[in-house]
């Protein structure tokens, strides 16, 4: 294999010399140049000149916002010597040898690359697409010099089927930062915000290769890697194989890397490789609702990856997008400066200082209630928080479990609520549980384990809840769930039961995504929830990322 790789590298250099390309430096003074490869030949890539959903004009704007000049090239000649970054997004054809030579010479002289691929086979605009990336000469060179091996996989989410992946729009999924402390994805890891993808492939990263340093960026822990292209139908023939995990052939569910970055130590070249191109496209990962990004994690990731490729100092990278509630649930009260902490007790009224409340604050955005509790000393384990909710219900939150107890004693876990314990206690609760009350009637701390344990310290007066105008950057109800998105342009009704006669709870806008947990007996209705709502929607008005017929059948309410 090593001999084959070096032979290929030699062929590339010979082909480059045959073109008459000169030697130059990719790094020059002034505004850096970013070139985006577009055109139907030779690669048929996504275009910066396309402002439509499949275009990457907004990606070009990201580079411009970082001070770069941006232009497109056809890759039918050597790349400009002053090019700092080359972008190749969604190549639908394998890269020929001559184009590989142009690109590799760019990297050899210290230029950088953003390469966004798609699965080795998928269905796009009425026909099959077969990029055949690993059949070209670029793949072994990247593996050798940058330590990244791109796999021929399609990442299949739970409950997906051959029928459910026939449209690109139904292959969406969530990926998250794989490492703590990685500069590009550090904010994603801190705030638990995902990057959305549509039909991704996985890759393997060698952190320390021969002359390279590499790191994974994005990963999924819910999908397996399907390796059989027979799961995709052609324009005239149905899928020949079922989309299901086959031991020994497919890549099992684990932490599968979807994006990576690497540095060549001899040349200084930097590359970012993504296993999905839609996360960069105008109508997918970078889609906007008016002036607001629908997926702030995608914008944040793209901005930081672009800044890294431009080799900008980290202190100059774009900050967090405005208009969102950036609050890390980590037990650190630093995020709460200016959020209205107030003194609630000036005496030592409990035995343990780690359970003696001294300051409490609460606010709500469009999806969640957030509560901070500080004690005289750092909170002592064991510890739990209890909130008195409207209607006589009680919410009790521990570090590993949050649940609501109804008046009749029924206990319901709340999987998308969470309590963090550190220097203080931070609690996040979805608004569908706590409602829109502007005050909490009771807030208490407990010390003893057990459902019947009584609190040891409580507020003596109701706690005011301040409502802020920022939006939660992610709906945590969507993690590790089958997803449905409202596809009706006029939105749809969320109902209390599976039928047109059931009470309308609210109206959901087009593009809203919810977690789907069950279906009606006839399969016409789906039970969904997010941080604000729970109820039933008509199945034909949503775009799922799985086969809804595989959801469990739920009894009708009442």
Protein backbone atom coordinates (compact mmCIF):
# COMPACT_ATOMS: atom_id res chain seq x y z
CA UNK A 1 0.00 0.00 0.00
CA UNK A 2 2.80 2.45 0.84
CA UNK A 3 4.46 1.76 -2.54
CA UNK A 4 1.14 2.34 -4.29
CA UNK A 5 0.65 5.65 -2.50
CA UNK A 6 4.12 6.92 -3.38
CA UNK A 7 3.62 5.78 -6.96
CA UNK A 8 0.41 7.76 -7.11
CA UNK A 9 2.14 10.80 -5.62
CA UNK A 10 4.83 10.55 -8.30
CA UNK A 11 2.22 10.35 -11.05
CA UNK A 12 0.53 13.45 -9.67
CA UNK A 13 3.76 15.47 -9.68
CA UNK A 14 4.61 14.32 -13.21
CA UNK A 15 1.15 15.37 -14.40
CA UNK A 16 1.57 18.75 -12.71
CA UNK A 17 4.93 19.41 -14.31
CA UNK A 18 3.42 18.56 -17.68
CA UNK A 19 1.02 21.49 -17.29
CA UNK A 20 3.86 23.97 -16.84
CA UNK A 21 2.65 25.08 -13.39
CA UNK A 22 5.23 27.16 -11.62
CA UNK A 23 6.31 27.14 -8.02
CA UNK A 24 4.85 29.83 -5.80
CA UNK A 25 3.76 30.55 -2.28
CA UNK A 26 0.08 30.23 -1.39
CA UNK A 27 0.51 32.58 1.58
CA UNK A 28 0.84 36.23 0.55
CA UNK A 29 0.26 39.61 2.15
CA UNK A 30 -2.98 41.62 1.96
CA UNK A 31 -6.45 40.12 1.96
CA UNK A 32 -6.22 36.33 1.65
CA UNK A 33 -7.70 34.72 -1.45
CA UNK A 34 -10.25 31.90 -1.19
CA UNK A 35 -11.08 30.04 -4.39
CA UNK A 36 -14.21 27.90 -4.65
CA UNK A 37 -14.26 25.15 -7.26
CA UNK A 38 -17.55 25.10 -9.17
CA UNK A 39 -18.94 23.98 -12.50
CA UNK A 40 -20.40 20.81 -13.97
CA UNK A 41 -16.97 19.76 -15.24
CA UNK A 42 -14.89 18.15 -13.98
CA UNK A 43 -16.45 17.65 -10.51
CA UNK A 44 -20.01 19.06 -10.65
CA UNK A 45 -19.72 20.82 -7.31
CA UNK A 46 -21.98 23.12 -5.33
CA UNK A 47 -21.55 26.69 -6.58
CA UNK A 48 -20.88 29.97 -4.79
CA UNK A 49 -22.71 31.73 -7.64
CA UNK A 50 -25.89 29.78 -6.78
CA UNK A 51 -27.97 31.68 -4.21
CA UNK A 52 -30.58 28.90 -4.15
CA UNK A 53 -30.94 26.11 -1.57
CA UNK A 54 -28.21 23.91 -3.09
CA UNK A 55 -25.74 26.76 -3.50
CA UNK A 56 -22.97 27.87 -1.14
CA UNK A 57 -23.14 31.62 -1.60
CA UNK A 58 -23.55 32.08 2.17
CA UNK A 59 -20.36 30.07 2.74
CA UNK A 60 -18.60 32.54 0.44
CA UNK A 61 -20.06 35.36 2.55
CA UNK A 62 -18.59 33.75 5.68
CA UNK A 63 -15.11 33.93 4.16
CA UNK A 64 -15.73 37.52 3.07
CA UNK A 65 -16.82 38.37 6.60
CA UNK A 66 -13.43 37.13 7.77
CA UNK A 67 -11.63 39.54 5.45
CA UNK A 68 -10.96 37.22 2.50
CA UNK A 69 -11.36 37.79 -1.22
CA UNK A 70 -13.48 35.05 -2.80
CA UNK A 71 -13.62 33.90 -6.42
CA UNK A 72 -14.65 30.74 -8.21
CA UNK A 73 -12.46 28.58 -10.45
CA UNK A 74 -13.18 25.70 -12.81
CA UNK A 75 -10.09 23.69 -11.81
CA UNK A 76 -9.18 23.41 -15.50
CA UNK A 77 -5.81 25.07 -14.86
CA UNK A 78 -3.32 25.29 -11.98
CA UNK A 79 -4.72 27.06 -8.93
CA UNK A 80 -3.62 30.67 -8.29
CA UNK A 81 -0.34 30.73 -6.39
CA UNK A 82 -1.76 33.30 -3.94
CA UNK A 83 -4.79 31.15 -3.02
CA UNK A 84 -4.92 30.67 0.75
CA UNK A 85 -7.91 28.26 0.79
CA UNK A 86 -9.52 26.05 -1.85
CA UNK A 87 -13.14 24.99 -1.28
CA UNK A 88 -14.61 21.88 -2.91
CA UNK A 89 -18.19 21.25 -1.78
CA UNK A 90 -20.37 18.35 -2.94
CA UNK A 91 -18.27 16.90 -5.78
CA UNK A 92 -20.58 14.54 -7.65
CA UNK A 93 -17.81 13.05 -9.79
CA UNK A 94 -14.46 11.49 -8.99
CA UNK A 95 -11.50 13.85 -9.32
CA UNK A 96 -9.38 13.15 -12.43
CA UNK A 97 -5.62 12.83 -12.15
CA UNK A 98 -4.79 16.23 -13.61
CA UNK A 99 -7.17 18.04 -11.23
CA UNK A 100 -5.72 16.02 -8.36
CA UNK A 101 -2.30 17.31 -9.41
CA UNK A 102 -3.49 20.93 -9.38
CA UNK A 103 -4.98 20.53 -5.91
CA UNK A 104 -2.07 18.58 -4.48
CA UNK A 105 0.46 21.13 -5.67
CA UNK A 106 -1.62 23.78 -3.88
CA UNK A 107 -1.30 21.76 -0.65
CA UNK A 108 2.37 20.99 -1.15
CA UNK A 109 3.20 24.69 -1.27
CA UNK A 110 1.28 25.39 1.96
CA UNK A 111 -2.23 26.13 0.74
CA UNK A 112 -5.32 24.98 2.65
CA UNK A 113 -8.42 22.97 1.69
CA UNK A 114 -12.06 22.70 2.73
CA UNK A 115 -13.48 19.48 1.27
CA UNK A 116 -17.15 18.64 1.88
CA UNK A 117 -18.18 15.22 0.59
CA UNK A 118 -21.39 13.20 0.58
CA UNK A 119 -22.01 9.45 0.91
CA UNK A 120 -20.63 7.24 -1.81
CA UNK A 121 -24.14 6.79 -3.15
CA UNK A 122 -27.33 8.73 -2.49
CA UNK A 123 -30.47 9.86 -4.25
CA UNK A 124 -30.47 13.48 -5.45
CA UNK A 125 -32.99 15.31 -7.65
CA UNK A 126 -34.48 12.18 -9.16
CA UNK A 127 -31.33 10.19 -9.87
CA UNK A 128 -28.58 8.28 -8.13
CA UNK A 129 -25.30 10.03 -7.39
CA UNK A 130 -22.04 8.08 -7.20
CA UNK A 131 -19.09 10.41 -6.40
CA UNK A 132 -16.61 7.51 -6.18
CA UNK A 133 -14.24 9.57 -4.04
CA UNK A 134 -12.12 6.61 -2.97
CA UNK A 135 -11.58 5.55 -6.58
CA UNK A 136 -9.62 8.72 -7.34
CA UNK A 137 -6.08 9.66 -6.47
CA UNK A 138 -6.92 12.26 -3.82
CA UNK A 139 -8.14 9.85 -1.14
CA UNK A 140 -4.86 7.90 -0.65
CA UNK A 141 -2.83 11.12 -0.67
CA UNK A 142 -4.99 12.64 2.07
CA UNK A 143 -4.76 9.42 4.05
CA UNK A 144 -0.97 9.35 3.73
CA UNK A 145 -0.11 13.01 4.32
CA UNK A 146 -2.94 14.10 6.62
CA UNK A 147 -3.99 10.94 8.47
CA UNK A 148 -7.69 11.05 7.50
CA UNK A 149 -9.31 8.00 5.91
CA UNK A 150 -12.70 8.67 4.33
CA UNK A 151 -15.00 5.65 4.61
CA UNK A 152 -17.49 4.44 1.99
CA UNK A 153 -20.43 4.54 4.38
CA UNK A 154 -23.90 6.03 4.65
CA UNK A 155 -24.75 6.94 8.24
CA UNK A 156 -28.17 5.46 8.91
CA UNK A 157 -30.19 6.77 11.85
CA UNK A 158 -32.33 4.48 14.02
CA UNK A 159 -35.62 3.44 12.36
CA UNK A 160 -34.43 4.57 8.91
CA UNK A 161 -35.32 2.33 5.98
CA UNK A 162 -34.55 2.11 2.27
CA UNK A 163 -37.82 3.93 1.60
CA UNK A 164 -37.15 6.73 4.09
CA UNK A 165 -33.78 7.69 2.55
CA UNK A 166 -35.07 8.09 -1.01
CA UNK A 167 -35.19 11.88 -0.62
CA UNK A 168 -32.25 13.97 0.58
CA UNK A 169 -34.61 16.08 2.69
CA UNK A 170 -35.43 13.07 4.88
CA UNK A 171 -31.84 12.09 5.74
CA UNK A 172 -31.19 14.90 8.23
CA UNK A 173 -29.52 14.12 11.55
CA UNK A 174 -27.59 15.72 14.40
CA UNK A 175 -23.83 15.64 14.96
CA UNK A 176 -21.99 17.01 17.98
CA UNK A 177 -18.49 18.11 18.91
CA UNK A 178 -16.36 15.00 19.38
CA UNK A 179 -13.60 16.48 21.54
CA UNK A 180 -13.40 18.85 24.49
CA UNK A 181 -10.91 21.67 24.00
CA UNK A 182 -10.76 21.54 20.19
CA UNK A 183 -10.75 25.23 19.14
CA UNK A 184 -13.06 24.88 16.14
CA UNK A 185 -15.79 23.07 18.05
CA UNK A 186 -15.17 24.38 21.58
CA UNK A 187 -18.40 26.46 21.76
CA UNK A 188 -20.44 23.54 20.39
CA UNK A 189 -19.07 21.31 23.14
CA UNK A 190 -19.56 23.94 25.85
CA UNK A 191 -23.21 24.64 25.03
CA UNK A 192 -24.21 21.20 23.71
CA UNK A 193 -25.30 22.63 20.36
CA UNK A 194 -25.33 20.32 17.30
CA UNK A 195 -24.37 20.68 13.67
CA UNK A 196 -27.16 19.43 11.38
CA UNK A 197 -26.25 17.15 8.46
CA UNK A 198 -28.16 15.55 5.58
CA UNK A 199 -26.94 12.13 4.49
CA UNK A 200 -23.41 11.90 5.90
CA UNK A 201 -20.48 9.50 5.65
CA UNK A 202 -17.94 8.65 8.34
CA UNK A 203 -14.15 8.83 8.47
CA UNK A 204 -11.26 7.57 10.58
CA UNK A 205 -8.67 9.97 12.01
CA UNK A 206 -5.06 9.16 12.88
CA UNK A 207 -4.09 11.90 15.37
CA UNK A 208 -0.34 11.59 14.80
CA UNK A 209 0.67 10.39 11.36
CA UNK A 210 3.88 10.57 9.36
CA UNK A 211 4.24 14.34 9.17
CA UNK A 212 0.66 15.19 10.15
CA UNK A 213 -1.45 16.19 13.13
CA UNK A 214 -5.17 15.55 12.94
CA UNK A 215 -8.26 15.79 15.15
CA UNK A 216 -11.90 14.75 14.79
CA UNK A 217 -14.41 17.59 14.85
CA UNK A 218 -17.97 16.25 14.59
CA UNK A 219 -19.43 12.86 15.45
CA UNK A 220 -22.67 10.95 15.85
CA UNK A 221 -23.36 8.32 18.49
CA UNK A 222 -26.76 7.19 17.16
CA UNK A 223 -26.11 6.00 13.59
CA UNK A 224 -24.45 2.95 12.08
CA UNK A 225 -22.38 3.02 8.88
CA UNK A 226 -24.19 1.23 6.06
CA UNK A 227 -21.72 -0.09 3.47
CA UNK A 228 -24.09 -1.77 0.99
CA UNK A 229 -24.95 0.56 -1.93
CA UNK A 230 -27.86 -1.74 -2.69
CA UNK A 231 -29.95 0.07 -0.09
CA UNK A 232 -30.38 2.93 -2.58
CA UNK A 233 -32.83 2.60 -5.42
CA UNK A 234 -32.08 3.85 -8.93
CA UNK A 235 -34.49 6.02 -10.90
CA UNK A 236 -36.21 2.90 -12.21
CA UNK A 237 -35.39 0.09 -9.78
CA UNK A 238 -36.29 -0.24 -6.11
CA UNK A 239 -33.63 -0.78 -3.47
CA UNK A 240 -32.13 -4.25 -3.68
CA UNK A 241 -31.24 -4.53 0.01
CA UNK A 242 -32.83 -3.62 3.31
CA UNK A 243 -31.33 -0.75 5.28
CA UNK A 244 -30.31 -2.63 8.41
CA UNK A 245 -27.17 -3.27 10.39
CA UNK A 246 -25.23 -6.34 9.27
CA UNK A 247 -22.51 -7.43 11.69
CA UNK A 248 -19.12 -7.88 10.05
CA UNK A 249 -20.06 -5.70 7.08
CA UNK A 250 -21.42 -2.42 8.42
CA UNK A 251 -19.81 -0.06 10.93
CA UNK A 252 -21.61 -0.53 14.27
CA UNK A 253 -23.19 2.28 16.27
CA UNK A 254 -20.41 4.00 18.20
CA UNK A 255 -18.83 7.44 18.10
CA UNK A 256 -18.56 7.80 14.32
CA UNK A 257 -16.57 10.79 13.09
CA UNK A 258 -18.30 12.97 10.48
CA UNK A 259 -15.78 15.81 10.19
CA UNK A 260 -12.06 16.28 10.86
CA UNK A 261 -9.21 18.74 10.46
CA UNK A 262 -5.53 18.10 9.91
CA UNK A 263 -2.20 19.89 9.53
CA UNK A 264 0.75 18.79 7.42
CA UNK A 265 3.83 19.58 9.48
CA UNK A 266 6.29 19.71 6.52
CA UNK A 267 4.26 22.14 4.38
CA UNK A 268 2.00 23.79 6.96
CA UNK A 269 -1.04 22.97 4.83
CA UNK A 270 -4.38 22.75 6.66
CA UNK A 271 -7.42 20.75 5.61
CA UNK A 272 -10.96 20.35 6.93
CA UNK A 273 -12.87 17.35 5.58
CA UNK A 274 -16.62 17.00 6.14
CA UNK A 275 -18.67 13.87 5.52
CA UNK A 276 -21.66 15.95 4.42
CA UNK A 277 -21.90 18.95 2.09
CA UNK A 278 -25.43 20.06 2.91
CA UNK A 279 -24.28 21.40 6.27
CA UNK A 280 -22.63 24.19 4.20
CA UNK A 281 -25.49 24.83 1.78
CA UNK A 282 -27.86 27.81 1.72
CA UNK A 283 -31.10 25.86 2.06
CA UNK A 284 -29.87 23.24 4.52
CA UNK A 285 -27.23 23.85 7.20
CA UNK A 286 -27.00 27.60 6.60
CA UNK A 287 -30.73 28.17 6.01
CA UNK A 288 -32.18 31.32 7.53
CA UNK A 289 -35.59 32.24 8.86
CA UNK A 290 -35.52 35.84 7.72
CA UNK A 291 -32.26 37.22 9.08
CA UNK A 292 -31.92 34.52 11.78
CA UNK A 293 -29.99 31.27 11.18
CA UNK A 294 -32.24 28.28 11.77
CA UNK A 295 -29.25 26.18 12.90
CA UNK A 296 -26.88 28.44 14.87
CA UNK A 297 -24.50 25.55 15.50
CA UNK A 298 -23.89 25.20 11.76
CA UNK A 299 -23.11 28.88 11.35
CA UNK A 300 -20.81 28.86 14.38
CA UNK A 301 -18.98 25.76 13.15
CA UNK A 302 -18.56 27.07 9.60
CA UNK A 303 -17.26 30.43 10.79
CA UNK A 304 -14.69 28.87 13.10
CA UNK A 305 -13.57 26.26 10.55
CA UNK A 306 -13.14 29.02 7.96
CA UNK A 307 -11.13 31.15 10.42
CA UNK A 308 -8.87 28.17 11.20
CA UNK A 309 -8.29 27.54 7.50
CA UNK A 310 -7.39 31.19 7.00
CA UNK A 311 -4.91 30.80 9.87
CA UNK A 312 -6.40 33.76 11.73
CA UNK A 313 -5.45 34.23 15.41
CA UNK A 314 -8.10 32.59 17.58
CA UNK A 315 -8.84 35.80 19.47
CA UNK A 316 -10.08 37.33 16.19
CA UNK A 317 -12.51 34.52 15.35
CA UNK A 318 -16.22 35.43 15.21
CA UNK A 319 -18.02 35.37 18.54
CA UNK A 320 -21.25 33.60 19.40
CA UNK A 321 -24.15 34.53 17.09
CA UNK A 322 -26.33 37.24 18.64
CA UNK A 323 -29.92 36.66 19.71
CA UNK A 324 -29.42 33.26 21.34
CA UNK A 325 -29.29 32.16 24.98
CA UNK A 326 -25.68 31.08 25.37
CA UNK A 327 -25.78 29.46 28.81
CA UNK A 328 -23.53 26.49 29.54
CA UNK A 329 -25.13 24.06 31.97
CA UNK A 330 -21.98 23.30 33.95
CA UNK A 331 -22.53 24.54 37.50
CA UNK A 332 -20.42 27.66 36.89
CA UNK A 333 -22.31 30.84 37.83
CA UNK A 334 -20.09 33.07 35.66
CA UNK A 335 -22.65 32.92 32.81
CA UNK A 336 -25.22 34.47 35.14
CA UNK A 337 -23.56 37.85 35.57
CA UNK A 338 -26.23 40.47 34.95
CA UNK A 339 -29.06 37.93 35.04
CA UNK A 340 -30.55 39.12 38.33
CA UNK A 341 -29.02 37.13 41.19
CA UNK A 342 -30.58 38.20 44.47
CA UNK A 343 -30.02 37.53 48.17
CA UNK A 344 -32.59 35.09 49.53
CA UNK A 345 -31.17 34.26 52.94
CA UNK A 346 -28.65 35.95 55.21
CA UNK A 347 -28.60 33.38 57.95
CA UNK A 348 -27.21 29.89 58.46
CA UNK A 349 -30.56 28.19 58.77
CA UNK A 350 -29.49 24.62 57.96
CA UNK A 351 -26.82 22.40 59.38
CA UNK A 352 -24.73 22.02 56.20
CA UNK A 353 -23.37 25.10 54.46
CA UNK A 354 -23.48 23.17 51.15
CA UNK A 355 -27.28 23.12 51.39
CA UNK A 356 -27.85 26.65 52.73
CA UNK A 357 -29.39 28.75 49.96
CA UNK A 358 -27.94 32.24 49.64
CA UNK A 359 -28.75 33.38 46.10
CA UNK A 360 -31.29 32.27 43.48
CA UNK A 361 -32.16 33.57 40.02
CA UNK A 362 -34.51 32.42 37.25
CA UNK A 363 -35.28 33.46 33.70
CA UNK A 364 -37.01 31.99 30.66
CA UNK A 365 -36.38 32.26 26.93
CA UNK A 366 -38.55 30.88 24.13
CA UNK A 367 -38.04 27.21 25.14
CA UNK A 368 -36.63 26.79 28.63
CA UNK A 369 -36.73 27.93 32.23
CA UNK A 370 -33.26 28.36 33.74
CA UNK A 371 -32.66 28.45 37.51
CA UNK A 372 -29.41 29.16 39.36
CA UNK A 373 -29.02 28.33 43.05
CA UNK A 374 -25.99 29.29 45.12
CA UNK A 375 -25.24 27.96 48.59
CA UNK A 376 -23.05 29.28 51.40
CA UNK A 377 -20.35 26.77 50.45
CA UNK A 378 -20.13 24.74 47.25
CA UNK A 379 -23.15 22.39 46.99
CA UNK A 380 -22.65 19.17 48.96
CA UNK A 381 -23.53 15.76 47.56
CA UNK A 382 -26.10 14.35 47.58
CA UNK A 383 -28.20 17.31 46.52
CA UNK A 384 -31.41 17.86 44.59
CA UNK A 385 -33.63 20.78 43.60
CA UNK A 386 -37.40 20.88 43.92
CA UNK A 387 -39.75 23.30 42.14
CA UNK A 388 -43.42 23.79 42.94
CA UNK A 389 -45.27 23.88 39.60
CA UNK A 390 -48.76 25.13 38.71
CA UNK A 391 -51.60 22.75 39.42
CA UNK A 392 -50.03 21.20 42.51
CA UNK A 393 -47.34 19.34 40.57
CA UNK A 394 -43.75 19.04 41.80
CA UNK A 395 -40.53 18.80 39.82
CA UNK A 396 -37.54 17.19 41.49
CA UNK A 397 -34.12 17.32 39.81
CA UNK A 398 -30.96 15.46 40.71
CA UNK A 399 -27.71 15.23 38.76
CA UNK A 400 -28.87 12.02 37.06
CA UNK A 401 -32.65 12.30 36.98
CA UNK A 402 -35.35 14.94 36.58
CA UNK A 403 -39.02 14.01 36.99
CA UNK A 404 -42.43 15.59 37.61
CA UNK A 405 -44.80 14.16 40.19
CA UNK A 406 -48.49 14.77 39.51
CA UNK A 407 -51.12 15.38 42.19
CA UNK A 408 -52.13 11.70 42.00
CA UNK A 409 -48.54 10.59 42.60
CA UNK A 410 -47.76 9.66 38.99
CA UNK A 411 -44.08 10.28 38.26
CA UNK A 412 -42.93 11.23 34.74
CA UNK A 413 -39.22 11.52 33.82
CA UNK A 414 -38.26 14.65 31.85
CA UNK A 415 -35.38 13.55 29.63
CA UNK A 416 -34.60 16.99 28.19
CA UNK A 417 -34.34 18.67 31.61
CA UNK A 418 -31.01 18.67 33.41
CA UNK A 419 -29.31 19.73 36.65
CA UNK A 420 -25.59 20.59 36.77
CA UNK A 421 -23.70 20.70 40.07
CA UNK A 422 -20.44 22.63 40.40
CA UNK A 423 -19.65 25.80 42.28
CA UNK A 424 -23.41 26.35 42.08
CA UNK A 425 -26.48 24.47 40.84
CA UNK A 426 -27.90 25.18 37.39
CA UNK A 427 -31.25 23.75 36.29
CA UNK A 428 -32.78 23.75 32.81
CA UNK A 429 -36.46 22.74 32.39
CA UNK A 430 -38.54 22.78 29.17
CA UNK A 431 -41.45 25.21 29.14
CA UNK A 432 -43.94 22.47 28.25
CA UNK A 433 -43.41 21.25 31.83
CA UNK A 434 -43.37 24.53 33.77
CA UNK A 435 -45.67 26.61 31.59
CA UNK A 436 -45.36 30.37 31.17
CA UNK A 437 -45.69 31.40 34.84
CA UNK A 438 -43.78 34.56 35.75
CA UNK A 439 -43.00 33.25 39.25
CA UNK A 440 -42.14 29.95 40.94
CA UNK A 441 -44.25 29.36 44.04
CA UNK A 442 -41.56 27.26 45.70
CA UNK A 443 -37.86 26.50 45.26
CA UNK A 444 -36.14 24.11 47.65
CA UNK A 445 -32.92 22.15 48.15
CA UNK A 446 -32.76 18.62 49.43
CA UNK A 447 -29.97 16.49 50.84
CA UNK A 448 -31.25 12.99 51.46
CA UNK A 449 -31.89 10.48 48.65
CA UNK A 450 -35.28 8.90 48.11
CA UNK A 451 -38.58 10.07 46.66
CA UNK A 452 -40.03 10.77 50.12
CA UNK A 453 -37.08 12.82 51.39
CA UNK A 454 -38.02 16.31 52.54
CA UNK A 455 -36.19 19.52 51.56
CA UNK A 456 -33.71 21.05 53.98
CA UNK A 457 -33.86 24.70 52.79
CA UNK A 458 -36.48 26.63 50.77
CA UNK A 459 -37.18 30.14 49.59
CA UNK A 460 -39.57 31.95 51.86
CA UNK A 461 -41.22 33.91 49.02
CA UNK A 462 -42.08 33.13 45.37
CA UNK A 463 -39.22 33.51 42.89
CA UNK A 464 -39.81 35.90 40.00
CA UNK A 465 -38.99 34.56 36.52
CA UNK A 466 -37.66 37.15 34.10
CA UNK A 467 -38.59 36.57 30.43
CA UNK A 468 -35.81 37.39 27.96
CA UNK A 469 -35.95 37.95 24.20
CA UNK A 470 -33.15 35.54 23.26
CA UNK A 471 -33.81 32.10 21.80
CA UNK A 472 -32.48 28.73 22.93
CA UNK A 473 -29.81 27.65 20.40
CA UNK A 474 -31.01 24.02 20.51
CA UNK A 475 -34.06 22.04 21.55
CA UNK A 476 -32.64 19.28 23.75
CA UNK A 477 -35.79 17.19 23.31
CA UNK A 478 -34.42 16.29 19.86
CA UNK A 479 -31.32 14.46 21.07
CA UNK A 480 -31.27 10.75 20.22
CA UNK A 481 -34.83 10.81 18.87
CA UNK A 482 -36.55 10.13 15.57
CA UNK A 483 -37.23 13.57 14.10
CA UNK A 484 -40.02 15.10 12.04
CA UNK A 485 -40.02 18.55 10.44
CA UNK A 486 -43.13 20.50 9.48
CA UNK A 487 -43.13 20.57 5.68
CA UNK A 488 -46.48 22.27 5.10
CA UNK A 489 -45.78 25.82 3.91
CA UNK A 490 -48.68 27.09 6.01
CA UNK A 491 -47.70 25.14 9.12
CA UNK A 492 -49.92 22.59 10.84
CA UNK A 493 -52.04 22.08 13.93
CA UNK A 494 -50.73 20.25 16.98
CA UNK A 495 -53.67 18.38 18.51
CA UNK A 496 -54.43 16.75 21.86
CA UNK A 497 -55.35 13.49 20.14
CA UNK A 498 -54.86 11.63 16.83
CA UNK A 499 -57.77 12.99 14.81
CA UNK A 500 -59.28 16.09 13.25
CA UNK A 501 -61.86 16.31 16.04
CA UNK A 502 -59.19 16.52 18.75
CA UNK A 503 -58.51 19.86 20.45
CA UNK A 504 -55.99 22.12 18.71
CA UNK A 505 -53.18 22.89 21.17
CA UNK A 506 -51.15 25.28 19.00
CA UNK A 507 -50.08 26.04 15.45
CA UNK A 508 -46.59 24.91 14.37
CA UNK A 509 -44.71 26.89 11.73
CA UNK A 510 -43.13 25.42 8.62
CA UNK A 511 -39.61 24.13 9.27
CA UNK A 512 -40.13 23.42 12.99
CA UNK A 513 -38.51 20.12 14.01
CA UNK A 514 -39.87 17.88 16.77
CA UNK A 515 -39.04 14.53 18.35
CA UNK A 516 -41.39 11.71 17.29
CA UNK A 517 -42.05 8.99 19.86
CA UNK A 518 -45.12 7.10 18.63
CA UNK A 519 -47.87 6.70 16.08
CA UNK A 520 -51.60 6.09 16.03
CA UNK A 521 -52.99 2.64 15.30
CA UNK A 522 -53.76 3.59 11.69
CA UNK A 523 -50.37 5.28 11.19
CA UNK A 524 -51.97 8.56 10.13
CA UNK A 525 -50.88 10.51 13.22
CA UNK A 526 -47.58 10.90 15.05
CA UNK A 527 -47.07 11.83 18.73
CA UNK A 528 -44.36 14.47 18.99
CA UNK A 529 -42.81 16.82 21.50
CA UNK A 530 -40.27 19.59 21.79
CA UNK A 531 -39.34 21.92 24.64
CA UNK A 532 -42.62 23.84 24.30
CA UNK A 533 -45.26 21.39 23.18
CA UNK A 534 -46.40 17.77 23.12
CA UNK A 535 -49.24 16.35 21.06
CA UNK A 536 -50.28 14.77 17.77
CA UNK A 537 -49.59 15.86 14.18
CA UNK A 538 -50.80 14.50 10.85
CA UNK A 539 -48.11 12.25 9.41
CA UNK A 540 -48.55 13.45 5.83
CA UNK A 541 -47.70 17.04 6.79
CA UNK A 542 -44.23 16.29 8.19
CA UNK A 543 -40.90 15.17 6.75
CA UNK A 544 -39.40 12.46 9.00
CA UNK A 545 -35.78 11.32 9.13
CA UNK A 546 -36.87 7.70 9.57
CA UNK A 547 -39.62 5.26 8.66
CA UNK A 548 -42.57 6.35 10.81
CA UNK A 549 -44.18 2.93 10.46
CA UNK A 550 -41.44 1.63 12.79
CA UNK A 551 -42.55 3.86 15.66
CA UNK A 552 -44.43 2.16 18.50
CA UNK A 553 -48.22 2.40 18.44
CA UNK A 554 -49.51 4.56 21.29
CA UNK A 555 -53.02 4.46 22.77
CA UNK A 556 -55.25 7.45 22.09
CA UNK A 557 -55.60 9.78 25.10
CA UNK A 558 -58.76 9.48 27.13
